[in-house]
C-alpha atoms as a PDB file:
ATOM      1  CA  MET A   1      65.450-156.416 -20.603  1.00  0.00           C
ATOM      2  CA  PHE A   2      63.779-155.217 -23.282  1.00  0.00           C
ATOM      3  CA  GLN A   3      59.543-154.685 -23.471  1.00  0.00           C
ATOM      4  CA  PRO A   4      57.291-153.913 -26.373  1.00  0.00           C
ATOM      5  CA  PRO A   5      54.731-150.926 -26.690  1.00  0.00           C
ATOM      6  CA  ILE A   6      52.272-151.756 -24.610  1.00  0.00           C
ATOM      7  CA  LYS A   7      49.133-152.021 -27.426  1.00  0.00           C
ATOM      8  CA  ALA A   8      46.237-150.441 -26.095  1.00  0.00           C
ATOM      9  CA  THR A   9      43.693-153.934 -26.977  1.00  0.00           C
ATOM     10  CA  ASN A  10      39.888-152.595 -26.736  1.00  0.00           C
ATOM     11  CA  LYS A  11      38.889-149.804 -29.242  1.00  0.00           C
ATOM     12  CA  ARG A  12      38.292-146.875 -26.396  1.00  0.00           C
ATOM     13  CA  ASP A  13      41.921-146.878 -24.996  1.00  0.00           C
ATOM     14  CA  ARG A  14      43.149-146.365 -28.766  1.00  0.00           C
ATOM     15  CA  ASN A  15      41.369-143.323 -29.114  1.00  0.00           C
ATOM     16  CA  LYS A  16      41.933-142.214 -26.165  1.00  0.00           C
ATOM     17  CA  ASP A  17      46.027-141.728 -26.846  1.00  0.00           C
ATOM     18  CA  ALA A  18      44.603-140.696 -30.789  1.00  0.00           C
ATOM     19  CA  ASN A  19      42.893-137.859 -28.230  1.00  0.00           C
ATOM     20  CA  ARG A  20      45.654-136.637 -25.885  1.00  0.00           C
ATOM     21  CA  ALA A  21      48.120-136.839 -29.584  1.00  0.00           C
ATOM     22  CA  SER A  22      45.126-134.201 -31.072  1.00  0.00           C
ATOM     23  CA  ASN A  23      45.140-132.601 -27.576  1.00  0.00           C
ATOM     24  CA  ALA A  24      48.920-132.022 -27.752  1.00  0.00           C
ATOM     25  CA  ILE A  25      49.178-130.706 -30.918  1.00  0.00           C
ATOM     26  CA  LYS A  26      45.728-128.353 -30.393  1.00  0.00           C
ATOM     27  CA  TYR A  27      47.962-127.356 -26.984  1.00  0.00           C
ATOM     28  CA  ALA A  28      50.816-126.506 -28.766  1.00  0.00           C
ATOM     29  CA  ILE A  29      48.850-124.620 -31.724  1.00  0.00           C
ATOM     30  CA  HIS A  30      46.640-122.732 -29.048  1.00  0.00           C
ATOM     31  CA  ALA A  31      49.892-121.392 -27.450  1.00  0.00           C
ATOM     32  CA  THR A  32      51.656-119.931 -30.287  1.00  0.00           C
ATOM     33  CA  TYR A  33      48.734-118.525 -31.303  1.00  0.00           C
ATOM     34  CA  ALA A  34      48.357-117.064 -27.771  1.00  0.00           C
ATOM     35  CA  ARG A  35      52.073-115.811 -27.432  1.00  0.00           C
ATOM     36  CA  ARG A  36      51.335-114.298 -31.356  1.00  0.00           C
ATOM     37  CA  GLU A  37      48.666-112.558 -29.987  1.00  0.00           C
ATOM     38  CA  LYS A  38      50.523-111.220 -26.590  1.00  0.00           C
ATOM     39  CA  TYR A  39      52.753-109.578 -29.138  1.00  0.00           C
ATOM     40  CA  ARG A  40      50.924-107.972 -31.386  1.00  0.00           C
ATOM     41  CA  SER A  41      48.931-106.297 -28.793  1.00  0.00           C
ATOM     42  CA  SER A  42      52.200-104.728 -26.628  1.00  0.00           C
ATOM     43  CA  GLN A  43      53.222-103.753 -30.204  1.00  0.00           C
ATOM     44  CA  ILE A  44      49.854-102.113 -30.246  1.00  0.00           C
ATOM     45  CA  LEU A  45      49.792-100.517 -26.372  1.00  0.00           C
ATOM     46  CA  ALA A  46      53.922 -99.494 -27.347  1.00  0.00           C
ATOM     47  CA  MET A  47      52.457 -97.402 -30.944  1.00  0.00           C
ATOM     48  CA  ASN A  48      49.918 -95.466 -28.751  1.00  0.00           C
END
């Protein structure tokens, strides 16, 4: 049986959904940045 997506009725719930999305994006950016930093630092260590 098809259920329509539950819409956030009040403003706070809508903001919570938006915050969750932006936090996911921020975390993805942070994860890629940290991975790149780790790779670069390991390269520098390998050079020495």
